[in-house]
Protein backbone atom coordinates (compact mmCIF):
# COMPACT_ATOMS: atom_id res chain seq x y z
CA ILE A 1 -13.21 -83.74 -5.72
CA GLY A 2 -14.97 -83.63 -2.37
CA VAL A 3 -14.61 -84.93 1.16
CA ASP A 4 -16.97 -85.89 3.96
CA ASN A 5 -17.03 -82.59 5.82
CA GLN A 6 -18.79 -84.12 8.84
CA PHE A 7 -15.92 -86.59 9.18
CA THR A 8 -13.08 -84.09 8.72
CA ALA A 9 -14.72 -81.53 11.05
CA ASN A 10 -14.85 -84.03 13.93
CA PRO A 11 -11.71 -83.85 16.13
CA ALA A 12 -12.33 -87.44 17.28
CA ASN A 13 -11.14 -88.62 13.83
CA TYR A 14 -7.64 -87.16 14.19
CA TYR A 15 -4.37 -88.28 15.75
CA TRP A 16 -0.89 -86.80 16.19
CA GLY A 17 0.96 -88.07 13.11
CA PHE A 18 4.49 -86.65 13.21
CA THR A 19 6.68 -83.66 13.91
CA MET A 20 9.23 -82.20 11.54
CA ASP A 21 11.49 -79.24 12.12
CA HIS A 22 13.91 -77.59 9.72
CA GLN A 23 16.35 -75.15 11.25
CA ASP A 24 18.76 -72.91 9.40
CA ASP A 25 20.95 -69.95 10.24
CA ASN A 26 22.96 -68.26 7.50
CA THR A 27 25.42 -65.38 7.51
CA ALA A 28 27.50 -63.95 4.68
CA ASP A 29 29.69 -60.98 3.83
CA GLU A 30 31.56 -59.72 0.79
CA VAL A 31 34.37 -57.23 0.32
CA ALA A 32 34.96 -55.77 -3.15
CA TRP A 33 37.64 -53.40 -4.44
CA ARG A 34 38.15 -51.97 -7.89
CA ALA A 35 40.32 -49.45 -9.72
CA ASP A 36 40.02 -48.06 -13.26
CA LEU A 37 42.33 -45.98 -15.42
CA LYS A 38 41.40 -44.16 -18.63
CA HIS A 39 43.65 -42.49 -21.21
CA SER A 40 42.18 -40.41 -24.05
CA PHE A 41 43.77 -40.05 -27.50
CA ASP A 42 43.76 -37.23 -30.03
CA SER A 43 43.28 -39.52 -32.99
CA ASN A 44 41.03 -40.03 -36.00
CA PHE A 45 40.31 -43.61 -34.89
CA PHE A 46 41.32 -44.37 -31.31
CA ASP A 47 39.25 -42.46 -28.82
CA SER A 48 40.39 -43.83 -25.45
CA PHE A 49 41.96 -46.77 -23.69
CA LYS A 50 40.69 -48.13 -20.36
CA VAL A 51 42.15 -50.71 -18.00
CA GLY A 52 40.95 -51.84 -14.61
CA VAL A 53 41.03 -54.47 -11.92
CA ARG A 54 38.45 -55.80 -9.48
CA VAL A 55 38.95 -58.10 -6.50
CA THR A 56 36.22 -59.70 -4.38
CA ASP A 57 36.31 -61.87 -1.26
CA ARG A 58 33.05 -63.52 -0.26
CA ASP A 59 32.41 -65.67 2.82
CA ALA A 60 29.30 -67.58 3.84
CA HIS A 61 28.50 -69.74 6.85
CA SER A 62 25.36 -71.81 6.35
CA ILE A 63 23.76 -74.00 9.00
CA ASP A 64 20.99 -76.35 7.88
CA THR A 65 19.69 -79.24 9.99
CA GLY A 66 17.61 -80.69 7.16
CA TYR A 67 14.04 -81.95 7.57
CA ASP A 68 13.92 -83.98 10.79
CA TRP A 69 10.79 -86.11 10.32
CA GLN A 70 9.85 -87.93 13.53
CA PRO A 71 6.74 -90.16 13.70
CA VAL A 72 4.35 -89.96 16.61
CA PHE A 73 1.53 -92.32 15.55
CA GLN A 74 1.45 -93.90 12.10
CA PRO A 75 -0.71 -96.77 10.76
CA TRP A 76 2.41 -98.77 9.83
CA MET A 77 3.42 -98.75 13.51
CA GLN A 78 0.43 -100.91 14.46
CA TRP A 79 0.92 -104.56 15.43
CA TRP A 80 4.46 -103.95 16.62
CA ALA A 81 5.16 -100.49 18.11
CA LEU A 82 1.45 -99.85 18.73
CA PRO A 83 -1.44 -102.22 19.48
CA GLY A 84 -3.04 -103.43 16.28
CA ASP A 85 -6.44 -104.36 17.66
CA GLN A 86 -7.54 -100.79 18.39
CA PRO A 87 -7.55 -97.42 16.62
CA LEU A 88 -4.60 -95.08 16.79
CA PRO A 89 -4.58 -92.86 19.90
CA GLY A 90 -6.53 -89.64 19.40
CA LEU A 91 -5.64 -86.03 20.05
CA ASP A 92 -6.30 -86.11 23.81
CA LEU A 93 -3.14 -87.73 25.17
CA ASN A 94 -2.85 -85.89 28.51
CA GLY A 95 -3.59 -82.58 30.16
CA THR A 96 -1.04 -80.75 28.00
CA ILE A 97 -1.30 -82.49 24.64
CA ASN A 98 -4.92 -82.56 23.58
CA SER A 99 -7.40 -81.12 21.11
CA SER A 100 -6.98 -77.64 22.59
CA LEU A 101 -3.72 -77.42 20.60
CA THR A 102 -5.62 -77.68 17.31
CA ASN A 103 -8.04 -75.42 15.46
CA LEU A 104 -10.55 -75.97 12.68
CA ILE A 105 -9.56 -74.56 9.29
CA THR A 106 -12.69 -73.88 7.24
CA PHE A 107 -11.06 -72.39 4.10
CA ASP A 108 -13.46 -69.45 3.95
CA ASN A 109 -13.56 -67.90 0.48
CA PHE A 110 -11.27 -70.66 -0.81
CA TYR A 111 -9.66 -69.64 -4.13
CA ARG A 112 -11.84 -66.53 -3.96
CA GLY A 113 -14.86 -68.71 -4.62
CA GLY A 114 -13.43 -70.00 -7.89
CA ALA A 115 -13.01 -73.60 -6.75
CA THR A 116 -14.93 -76.11 -4.67
CA THR A 117 -14.17 -75.82 -0.96
CA PRO A 118 -12.09 -78.89 -0.03
CA GLY A 119 -13.76 -79.23 3.37
CA SER A 120 -12.85 -78.36 6.94
CA PHE A 121 -9.77 -79.76 8.63
CA TYR A 122 -8.14 -79.62 12.04
CA SER A 123 -4.51 -78.57 12.21
CA PRO A 124 -2.11 -77.66 15.02
CA VAL A 125 -2.26 -74.08 16.26
CA LEU A 126 0.62 -71.80 15.28
CA ALA A 127 1.90 -71.72 18.85
CA THR A 128 2.84 -75.41 18.55
CA ALA A 129 5.30 -74.66 15.77
CA LEU A 130 6.56 -71.50 17.44
CA GLY A 131 7.06 -73.43 20.68
CA PHE A 132 9.78 -75.65 19.21
CA PRO A 133 11.60 -77.53 20.68
CA ASN A 134 9.60 -77.82 23.92
CA SER A 135 6.22 -78.21 22.20
CA TYR A 136 7.62 -81.04 20.04
CA LEU A 137 9.13 -82.74 23.08
CA ASP A 138 5.78 -82.50 24.86
CA ILE A 139 4.01 -84.27 21.99
CA HIS A 140 6.50 -87.14 21.81
CA GLY A 141 6.62 -87.39 25.60
CA ALA A 142 2.85 -87.67 25.79
CA ALA A 143 2.93 -90.52 23.24
CA ILE A 144 5.38 -92.71 25.19
CA PRO A 145 2.74 -94.48 27.36
CA TYR A 146 0.95 -95.67 24.21
CA TYR A 147 3.95 -97.47 22.66
CA ASP A 148 4.52 -101.19 23.03
CA CYS A 149 8.17 -100.78 22.03
CA CYS A 150 10.79 -99.11 19.93
CA TYR A 151 9.79 -95.42 20.21
CA GLY A 152 10.27 -92.79 22.89
CA GLN A 153 11.39 -89.24 23.42
CA ILE A 154 13.20 -87.57 20.53
CA THR A 155 16.40 -85.53 20.57
CA PRO A 156 15.97 -82.46 18.36
CA ARG A 157 18.85 -81.57 16.13
CA ASN A 158 21.03 -78.80 17.50
CA LEU A 159 22.10 -75.87 15.33
CA ALA A 160 25.32 -75.72 17.32
CA ASP A 161 26.40 -79.22 16.22
CA PRO A 162 29.14 -78.77 13.62
CA GLN A 163 27.77 -81.51 11.34
CA TRP A 164 24.98 -79.18 10.11
CA GLY A 165 27.37 -76.41 9.12
CA ASN A 166 28.95 -75.46 5.81
CA VAL A 167 31.59 -72.79 5.27
CA GLN A 168 32.21 -71.34 1.82
CA ASN A 169 34.64 -68.81 0.40
CA GLU A 170 34.90 -67.33 -3.07
CA LYS A 171 37.68 -65.08 -4.26
CA THR A 172 37.72 -63.47 -7.71
CA TYR A 173 40.51 -61.55 -9.40
CA ALA A 174 39.57 -59.72 -12.59
CA ALA A 175 41.41 -57.42 -14.97
CA TYR A 176 40.23 -55.83 -18.19
CA ALA A 177 41.48 -53.73 -21.06
CA MET A 178 39.20 -51.91 -23.51
CA VAL A 179 39.76 -49.67 -26.52
CA ASN A 180 37.09 -47.16 -27.59
CA PHE A 181 37.21 -46.09 -31.20
CA ALA A 182 35.29 -43.80 -33.54
CA MET A 183 35.25 -42.97 -37.26
CA ASP A 184 33.26 -39.77 -37.43
CA ASP A 185 33.11 -39.55 -41.22
CA ALA A 186 31.66 -43.07 -41.43
CA ARG A 187 29.44 -42.46 -38.37
CA ILE A 188 30.84 -45.58 -36.72
CA ASP A 189 32.00 -46.00 -33.13
CA GLY A 190 32.42 -48.83 -30.67
CA ASN A 191 34.83 -50.68 -28.48
CA PHE A 192 36.67 -53.96 -28.16
CA GLY A 193 38.50 -55.53 -25.26
CA VAL A 194 39.03 -58.50 -23.04
CA ARG A 195 38.36 -59.37 -19.41
CA VAL A 196 40.26 -62.10 -17.56
CA VAL A 197 38.67 -63.50 -14.40
CA ARG A 198 40.25 -65.92 -11.94
CA THR A 199 37.82 -67.60 -9.51
CA GLU A 200 38.83 -69.62 -6.46
CA ASN A 201 36.14 -71.46 -4.50
CA SER A 202 36.42 -73.51 -1.32
CA ALA A 203 33.78 -75.25 0.75
CA SER A 204 33.88 -77.36 3.90
CA GLY A 205 31.03 -79.22 5.53
CA TYR A 206 30.01 -82.69 6.63
CA LEU A 207 28.86 -86.04 5.31
CA VAL A 208 26.16 -87.30 7.69
CA TYR A 209 25.48 -91.05 7.72
CA PRO A 210 22.03 -92.56 8.38
CA ASN A 211 20.73 -93.97 11.62
CA ASN A 212 17.98 -96.53 10.97
CA GLU A 213 16.97 -99.24 13.44
CA PHE A 214 16.38 -101.78 10.64
CA ALA A 215 19.78 -101.18 9.03
CA PRO A 216 22.29 -100.42 11.80
CA TYR A 217 25.10 -101.64 9.56
CA LEU A 218 24.71 -98.48 7.42
CA GLY A 219 25.57 -96.06 10.18
CA ASN A 220 24.65 -94.68 13.57
CA GLY A 221 24.22 -91.04 12.59
CA GLN A 222 27.95 -90.36 12.63
CA SER A 223 29.43 -87.61 10.51
CA GLU A 224 32.76 -86.90 8.89
CA PRO A 225 34.15 -83.63 7.56
CA ILE A 226 34.42 -83.09 3.82
CA SER A 227 36.04 -80.25 1.93
CA ALA A 228 36.45 -79.18 -1.67
CA GLU A 229 38.43 -76.62 -3.63
CA ASN A 230 37.76 -75.50 -7.16
CA SER A 231 39.40 -72.82 -9.28
CA TYR A 232 39.20 -71.73 -12.90
CA THR A 233 40.19 -68.86 -15.17
CA ASP A 234 37.99 -67.38 -17.89
CA VAL A 235 39.11 -65.17 -20.77
CA LEU A 236 36.16 -63.10 -21.98
CA PRO A 237 36.67 -61.03 -25.15
CA SER A 238 33.99 -58.64 -26.39
CA ALA A 239 33.34 -56.18 -29.21
CA ASN A 240 30.58 -53.62 -29.78
CA VAL A 241 29.98 -51.54 -32.92
CA LYS A 242 27.41 -48.80 -33.59
CA TRP A 243 26.76 -47.45 -37.08
CA GLU A 244 24.41 -44.65 -38.13
CA PRO A 245 23.71 -45.29 -41.83
CA ALA A 246 21.24 -42.37 -41.94
CA GLU A 247 19.78 -39.74 -39.68
CA ASN A 248 17.86 -41.33 -36.77
CA TRP A 249 18.79 -44.85 -37.86
CA ILE A 250 21.23 -46.94 -35.80
CA VAL A 251 22.64 -50.40 -36.40
CA ARG A 252 24.29 -52.13 -33.44
CA PHE A 253 26.37 -55.31 -33.38
CA ALA A 254 27.79 -57.03 -30.33
CA ALA A 255 29.85 -60.20 -29.91
CA SER A 256 31.17 -61.51 -26.65
CA LYS A 257 32.01 -64.50 -24.55
CA ALA A 258 30.19 -64.56 -21.20
CA ILE A 259 29.86 -66.75 -18.15
CA ALA A 260 27.01 -67.43 -15.71
CA ARG A 261 28.24 -68.69 -12.37
CA PRO A 262 26.23 -71.23 -10.40
CA ALA A 263 24.30 -69.98 -7.40
CA PHE A 264 26.54 -69.76 -4.35
CA SER A 265 24.10 -71.92 -2.38
CA ASP A 266 24.45 -74.72 -4.98
CA MET A 267 28.16 -75.15 -4.22
CA GLN A 268 28.01 -76.28 -0.59
CA ALA A 269 30.02 -79.28 0.60
CA TYR A 270 27.28 -81.14 2.44
CA GLN A 271 25.54 -84.49 2.11
CA LEU A 272 22.92 -86.10 4.33
CA LEU A 273 22.41 -89.82 3.65
CA SER A 274 18.92 -91.16 4.27
CA VAL A 275 17.32 -94.59 4.61
CA ALA A 276 13.63 -95.43 4.13
CA VAL A 277 11.84 -98.77 4.20
CA ARG A 278 10.40 -99.58 0.76
CA ASP A 279 6.63 -99.64 0.29
CA GLY A 280 5.22 -103.10 0.95
CA VAL A 281 8.00 -104.08 3.37
CA ASN A 282 6.62 -104.44 6.91
CA PRO A 283 9.40 -105.33 9.31
CA ASP A 284 8.88 -106.59 12.84
CA PRO A 285 10.75 -105.07 15.79
CA GLY A 286 14.37 -106.12 15.71
CA ASP A 287 14.31 -107.22 12.06
CA LEU A 288 17.45 -106.59 10.03
CA LEU A 289 16.58 -105.45 6.52
CA GLN A 290 18.87 -105.87 3.53
CA PRO A 291 19.61 -103.04 1.03
CA GLY A 292 17.06 -104.48 -1.42
CA ASP A 293 14.28 -103.66 1.08
CA LEU A 294 15.48 -100.09 1.56
CA ASP A 295 15.63 -96.83 -0.36
CA LEU A 296 19.10 -95.36 0.12
CA THR A 297 19.27 -91.72 -0.97
CA GLY A 298 21.23 -88.51 -0.52
CA SER A 299 19.31 -85.35 0.31
CA SER A 300 21.68 -82.67 -0.99
CA THR A 301 21.82 -81.54 -4.63
CA ASP A 302 24.80 -79.26 -4.05
CA ASN A 303 28.09 -79.64 -5.91
CA PRO A 304 31.16 -77.62 -4.86
CA TYR A 305 32.90 -78.50 -8.14
CA LEU A 306 30.42 -76.66 -10.39
CA THR A 307 31.89 -74.25 -12.92
CA PRO A 308 30.10 -71.48 -14.84
CA MET A 309 28.05 -71.97 -17.94
CA LYS A 310 29.96 -70.43 -20.85
CA ALA A 311 28.36 -68.72 -23.83
CA ASN A 312 29.45 -67.28 -27.15
CA GLN A 313 26.79 -64.67 -27.90
CA PHE A 314 25.97 -62.34 -30.76
CA ASP A 315 23.42 -59.52 -31.11
CA LEU A 316 22.39 -57.48 -34.15
CA SER A 317 19.80 -54.71 -33.90
CA LEU A 318 18.28 -51.97 -36.02
CA GLU A 319 16.76 -48.88 -34.32
CA TRP A 320 14.64 -46.16 -35.89
CA TYR A 321 14.10 -42.93 -33.93
CA PHE A 322 11.17 -41.55 -35.87
CA ALA A 323 10.30 -38.98 -33.20
CA PRO A 324 13.44 -38.56 -31.09
CA ASP A 325 12.22 -35.46 -29.25
CA SER A 326 9.23 -37.33 -27.83
CA GLY A 327 10.70 -40.81 -27.32
CA GLY A 328 9.31 -42.28 -30.53
CA MET A 329 11.33 -45.28 -31.67
CA ALA A 330 10.99 -48.74 -33.16
CA TRP A 331 13.50 -51.55 -33.15
CA VAL A 332 14.21 -55.10 -34.15
CA ASN A 333 16.88 -57.24 -32.52
CA PHE A 334 18.30 -60.66 -33.44
CA PHE A 335 20.28 -62.70 -30.93
CA TYR A 336 22.14 -65.99 -30.75
CA LYS A 337 23.79 -67.79 -27.82
CA ASP A 338 25.80 -71.01 -27.92
CA ILE A 339 26.14 -72.35 -24.37
CA LYS A 340 28.27 -75.16 -23.00
CA ASP A 341 28.76 -76.64 -19.50
CA TYR A 342 25.00 -76.36 -19.03
CA PHE A 343 23.54 -76.96 -15.55
CA ARG A 344 21.48 -80.12 -15.15
CA GLN A 345 20.62 -82.34 -12.20
CA GLN A 346 22.36 -85.70 -12.46
CA THR A 347 21.08 -88.81 -10.70
CA GLN A 348 23.51 -91.63 -10.10
CA LEU A 349 24.44 -94.32 -7.62
CA LEU A 350 27.31 -93.31 -5.36
CA THR A 351 29.07 -95.68 -2.98
CA TYR A 352 29.46 -94.92 0.72
CA PRO A 353 30.86 -97.27 3.37
CA GLY A 354 28.79 -98.82 6.14
CA ILE A 355 30.11 -99.31 9.65
CA ASP A 356 30.27 -103.04 8.89
CA GLY A 357 33.11 -102.43 6.42
CA ASN A 358 31.01 -102.99 3.27
CA ASP A 359 30.14 -100.42 0.60
CA TYR A 360 26.55 -99.50 -0.26
CA ASP A 361 25.01 -97.62 -3.19
CA TYR A 362 22.93 -94.48 -2.54
CA ARG A 363 20.84 -92.71 -5.17
CA VAL A 364 22.14 -89.15 -5.20
CA SER A 365 21.01 -86.24 -7.37
CA ARG A 366 23.20 -83.18 -7.78
CA LEU A 367 23.80 -80.34 -10.20
CA VAL A 368 26.56 -80.94 -12.74
CA ASN A 369 27.99 -79.22 -15.80
CA VAL A 370 26.92 -81.32 -18.74
CA GLY A 371 25.73 -80.84 -22.29
CA LYS A 372 25.04 -77.78 -24.39
CA ALA A 373 22.25 -75.33 -25.11
CA LYS A 374 21.44 -73.12 -28.08
CA ILE A 375 19.30 -70.00 -27.81
CA GLN A 376 18.30 -67.87 -30.78
CA GLY A 377 15.49 -65.51 -31.53
CA ALA A 378 14.30 -62.02 -32.31
CA GLU A 379 12.60 -59.09 -30.63
CA ILE A 380 10.56 -56.31 -32.21
CA GLY A 381 9.35 -53.25 -30.35
CA TRP A 382 7.84 -49.78 -30.57
CA ASN A 383 7.57 -46.82 -28.18
CA GLN A 384 5.88 -43.46 -28.74
CA PHE A 385 4.32 -40.45 -27.02
CA PHE A 386 1.29 -39.02 -28.81
CA ASP A 387 2.43 -35.42 -28.45
CA PHE A 388 0.63 -34.49 -31.70
CA LEU A 389 -2.70 -34.73 -29.87
CA PRO A 390 -4.29 -31.57 -28.45
CA ALA A 391 -3.74 -30.83 -24.77
CA PRO A 392 -4.23 -32.41 -22.31
CA PHE A 393 -4.16 -35.63 -24.38
CA ASP A 394 -0.63 -34.96 -25.64
CA GLY A 395 0.71 -36.77 -22.55
CA PHE A 396 -0.57 -40.15 -23.72
CA GLY A 397 1.80 -42.79 -25.09
CA MET A 398 2.16 -46.49 -25.81
CA SER A 399 4.86 -49.13 -26.02
CA ALA A 400 4.80 -52.71 -27.23
CA ASN A 401 7.29 -55.48 -27.86
CA TYR A 402 7.23 -59.12 -28.88
CA THR A 403 10.00 -61.72 -28.41
CA TYR A 404 10.41 -65.10 -30.07
CA ILE A 405 12.96 -67.55 -28.64
CA ASP A 406 13.96 -70.91 -30.06
CA SER A 407 15.98 -72.81 -27.46
CA THR A 408 17.22 -76.39 -27.28
CA THR A 409 19.41 -78.38 -24.91
CA LYS A 410 21.51 -81.41 -25.76
CA ILE A 411 22.37 -83.56 -22.76
CA PRO A 412 24.20 -86.88 -23.32
CA GLU A 413 21.99 -89.81 -22.34
CA ALA A 414 24.93 -91.54 -20.68
CA SER A 415 25.31 -88.62 -18.25
CA ASN A 416 22.29 -89.68 -16.14
CA ALA A 417 21.26 -86.04 -16.26
CA VAL A 418 18.41 -86.41 -18.78
CA PRO A 419 14.79 -86.51 -17.60
CA VAL A 420 13.40 -90.02 -17.18
CA ASP A 421 9.72 -91.03 -17.23
CA THR A 422 8.23 -93.36 -14.63
CA ASP A 423 8.42 -96.23 -17.14
CA GLY A 424 12.13 -95.63 -17.76
CA SER A 425 11.70 -93.96 -21.15
CA LEU A 426 13.70 -90.83 -21.92
CA PHE A 427 12.53 -87.43 -23.12
CA SER A 428 13.73 -85.77 -26.29
CA ASP A 429 15.75 -82.55 -26.15
CA LEU A 430 14.07 -79.97 -23.92
CA PRO A 431 14.12 -76.15 -24.12
CA ALA A 432 16.43 -74.11 -21.94
CA ASP A 433 15.20 -73.43 -18.42
CA GLY A 434 13.08 -70.36 -17.81
CA LEU A 435 12.66 -69.30 -21.46
CA SER A 436 9.27 -68.94 -23.15
CA LYS A 437 9.03 -69.41 -26.89
CA ASN A 438 6.67 -66.42 -27.21
CA SER A 439 6.20 -63.36 -25.02
CA TYR A 440 4.89 -59.84 -25.43
CA ASN A 441 4.35 -56.68 -23.43
CA VAL A 442 1.90 -53.86 -24.14
CA ALA A 443 1.76 -50.65 -22.09
CA ALA A 444 -0.28 -47.47 -22.20
CA PHE A 445 0.87 -44.46 -20.20
CA TYR A 446 0.17 -40.82 -19.51
CA GLU A 447 2.87 -38.39 -18.39
CA LYS A 448 2.02 -34.72 -18.18
CA GLY A 449 2.57 -32.17 -15.47
CA PRO A 450 2.59 -33.82 -12.04
CA TRP A 451 0.81 -36.98 -13.24
CA GLN A 452 2.38 -40.32 -14.22
CA ILE A 453 -0.10 -43.09 -15.07
CA ARG A 454 0.81 -46.51 -16.48
CA LEU A 455 -1.13 -49.66 -17.40
CA ALA A 456 0.84 -52.68 -18.69
CA TYR A 457 -0.04 -56.23 -19.75
CA ASN A 458 2.71 -58.87 -19.86
CA TRP A 459 2.20 -62.35 -21.31
CA ARG A 460 4.49 -65.32 -21.85
CA SER A 461 3.96 -68.85 -23.14
CA GLU A 462 4.84 -71.93 -21.11
CA TYR A 463 8.43 -72.45 -20.01
CA LEU A 464 10.50 -75.14 -18.32
CA LEU A 465 10.71 -74.66 -14.56
CA SER A 466 12.78 -77.62 -13.48
CA ILE A 467 13.54 -81.29 -13.97
CA GLY A 468 12.78 -83.69 -11.15
CA PRO A 469 12.08 -81.22 -8.30
CA ASN A 470 10.66 -82.41 -5.00
CA GLY A 471 7.46 -84.35 -5.67
CA TYR A 472 8.38 -85.09 -9.30
CA ASN A 473 11.11 -87.67 -8.78
CA GLY A 474 11.51 -91.07 -7.18
CA GLY A 475 12.84 -94.58 -7.49
CA ASP A 476 9.72 -96.70 -7.89
CA GLY A 477 10.32 -100.09 -9.47
CA GLY A 478 14.05 -99.50 -9.41
CA ILE A 479 13.71 -96.68 -11.99
CA PRO A 480 15.31 -93.37 -10.94
CA TRP A 481 12.65 -91.24 -12.63
CA LYS A 482 12.53 -87.44 -12.75
CA LEU A 483 9.93 -85.52 -14.72
CA PRO A 484 10.11 -82.12 -16.44
CA VAL A 485 7.89 -79.49 -14.85
CA TYR A 486 6.63 -76.42 -16.74
CA SER A 487 4.92 -73.19 -15.86
CA ASP A 488 1.86 -72.77 -18.09
CA SER A 489 1.28 -69.68 -20.23
CA PHE A 490 0.46 -66.64 -18.13
CA GLY A 491 -0.55 -63.00 -18.58
CA GLN A 492 -0.76 -60.29 -15.93
CA LEU A 493 -2.11 -56.74 -15.94
CA ASP A 494 -0.34 -54.17 -13.73
CA GLY A 495 -0.82 -50.46 -13.24
CA SER A 496 0.39 -47.43 -11.31
CA ILE A 497 -0.67 -43.85 -10.66
CA PHE A 498 1.80 -41.29 -9.30
CA TYR A 499 1.36 -37.61 -8.49
CA LYS A 500 4.38 -35.35 -8.00
CA ILE A 501 3.72 -33.13 -4.99
CA SER A 502 7.04 -31.32 -5.44
CA ASP A 503 10.37 -31.84 -7.17
CA ASN A 504 11.40 -34.12 -4.29
CA VAL A 505 8.17 -35.85 -3.24
CA GLN A 506 5.88 -38.25 -5.13
CA PHE A 507 2.79 -40.08 -3.90
CA GLY A 508 1.28 -43.00 -5.77
CA LEU A 509 -0.71 -46.19 -5.94
CA GLU A 510 0.85 -49.37 -7.42
CA MET A 511 -1.42 -52.19 -8.58
CA ASN A 512 -0.38 -55.75 -9.49
CA ASN A 513 -2.31 -58.59 -11.13
CA LEU A 514 -5.41 -56.50 -11.77
CA ASN A 515 -6.88 -59.31 -13.87
CA ASN A 516 -6.42 -61.77 -10.97
CA ALA A 517 -4.63 -64.15 -13.35
CA GLU A 518 -4.31 -67.82 -12.51
CA GLN A 519 -0.96 -69.60 -12.78
CA ARG A 520 -0.65 -73.32 -13.40
CA THR A 521 2.12 -75.91 -13.14
CA LEU A 522 2.38 -78.66 -15.78
CA MET A 523 3.96 -82.11 -15.40
CA ASP A 524 5.12 -83.81 -18.58
CA GLN A 525 5.13 -87.54 -19.35
CA ASN A 526 5.79 -89.29 -22.64
CA GLY A 527 2.57 -91.29 -22.69
CA ALA A 528 0.13 -89.05 -20.83
CA GLY A 529 1.48 -85.74 -22.11
CA LYS A 530 1.34 -82.56 -20.06
CA ARG A 531 -1.08 -82.43 -17.17
CA ILE A 532 -1.90 -79.64 -14.72
CA THR A 533 -0.61 -80.45 -11.24
CA SER A 534 -1.23 -77.20 -9.39
CA TRP A 535 -3.18 -73.96 -9.65
CA TYR A 536 -2.49 -70.78 -7.74
CA VAL A 537 -3.49 -67.13 -7.75
CA ASN A 538 -1.42 -64.38 -6.16
CA ASP A 539 -4.49 -62.11 -5.81
CA ARG A 540 -4.73 -58.49 -6.76
CA ARG A 541 -2.25 -56.42 -4.78
CA TYR A 542 -2.28 -52.70 -4.05
CA ALA A 543 0.48 -50.64 -2.48
CA ALA A 544 0.46 -46.95 -1.53
CA THR A 545 3.89 -45.45 -2.11
CA LEU A 546 5.54 -42.24 -0.95
CA ARG A 547 8.85 -41.45 -2.70
CA PHE A 548 11.48 -38.94 -1.64
CA THR A 549 14.41 -37.91 -3.84
CA PHE A 550 17.30 -35.80 -2.67
């Protein structure tokens, strides 16, 4: 793919297209308190009994003005807001707003020479962004003389306006009881217990209505406060058993019920309703468009009524310490997780009132608890120092492990939370988010005297990143489509060298991505299959480190 570099490197071919700011200001604090009590027994079975409590109180105040896109000159503005018989105004609008506020980006050494240079482009200088809001006001003010109608100076959103704020609080009250036991003759020990956790969430924010000149009946930018409260109690039993069937052999078994809370930022009470004119609809000034000519959407995916994902999980492992004095061990581990109340993004039509008294449907996507997931697999690993080698080679060692994961999700089709292709077809059950089917790690290291040297290679197969993120969703043709997006398989080589100057001081060099590995993003469709949509390289990175311990 190429461009006409002579065209893109000529500032006369550019115009001021739009401004868009996004302001946020977030503060949070948490107070936690805990107490534990332990009683030991003189018994052939019961070893000790522990009880404890933990209380947390977390507050967050988030301010987010959203993306305030404001057009300056756009082709669709011609023949009504701008003259249609002449080109769009160029960069030189007046003595303040002109081509001096742009610079030519030449993309020197683009992709480290591994890809074709896309060309040279003019873009605003950094000072224009840093000069917000005055620099943005200057641009829109300079454009006013060129308009025939309908556009003028903008009013930037103000962080101090309460409609952009969201206040959250989370309180948790937890208590646990645990019994430790041991049967020395059978070489068995372990524990069992239960933890009870009460969670109370509250959130308060605003519902912000749209303000569109072609649909004034939908709103005038007004806002109304919204609030939500959500509480739940989880009972989480667990048991762990360790058995030594022979010298240097250990069998471990664990069973528990666990929860994974949603991210705090995903539970805000906030919704910004938006209106956009559909492609192909070209209104004249003063036209009143009906809902069928508009895309009505909500911009927030937050849901203050989310509850944790819940899992019943089991682990069984076998460990062999074939050289315990030098860290030599091998292991195999089998695991199984049965998850419910899985997180998925649901897209549905929600009704909000217009100022004309009628109700209108907006396409809103938000996280919900829906469906189930199953995760099962195995891990095998080995770690050893080669202390049998003659000095100074007796400091060498290696470790390696491989993990296989089989994961599936089952989301009811009627939930509107399943991925949808652009033609309206659905996808079959997808894997759990963030889990690769295959992964392995191999490391070689040297530890002797003051030296610590390590070289490690980590590889994982493709895994699901998200469903319907920004750029991979829409409503074309009346179909609320959202596509699964994957991260392609990826392997990275890292290393480090440390030298201990004294018992308290270490100096070293840390190296990341020594193989300069490329990462790719894949978009999946039923007909076309998976296609690469982005490539990126994080470059080799080196860091000199000085460590102090005391």
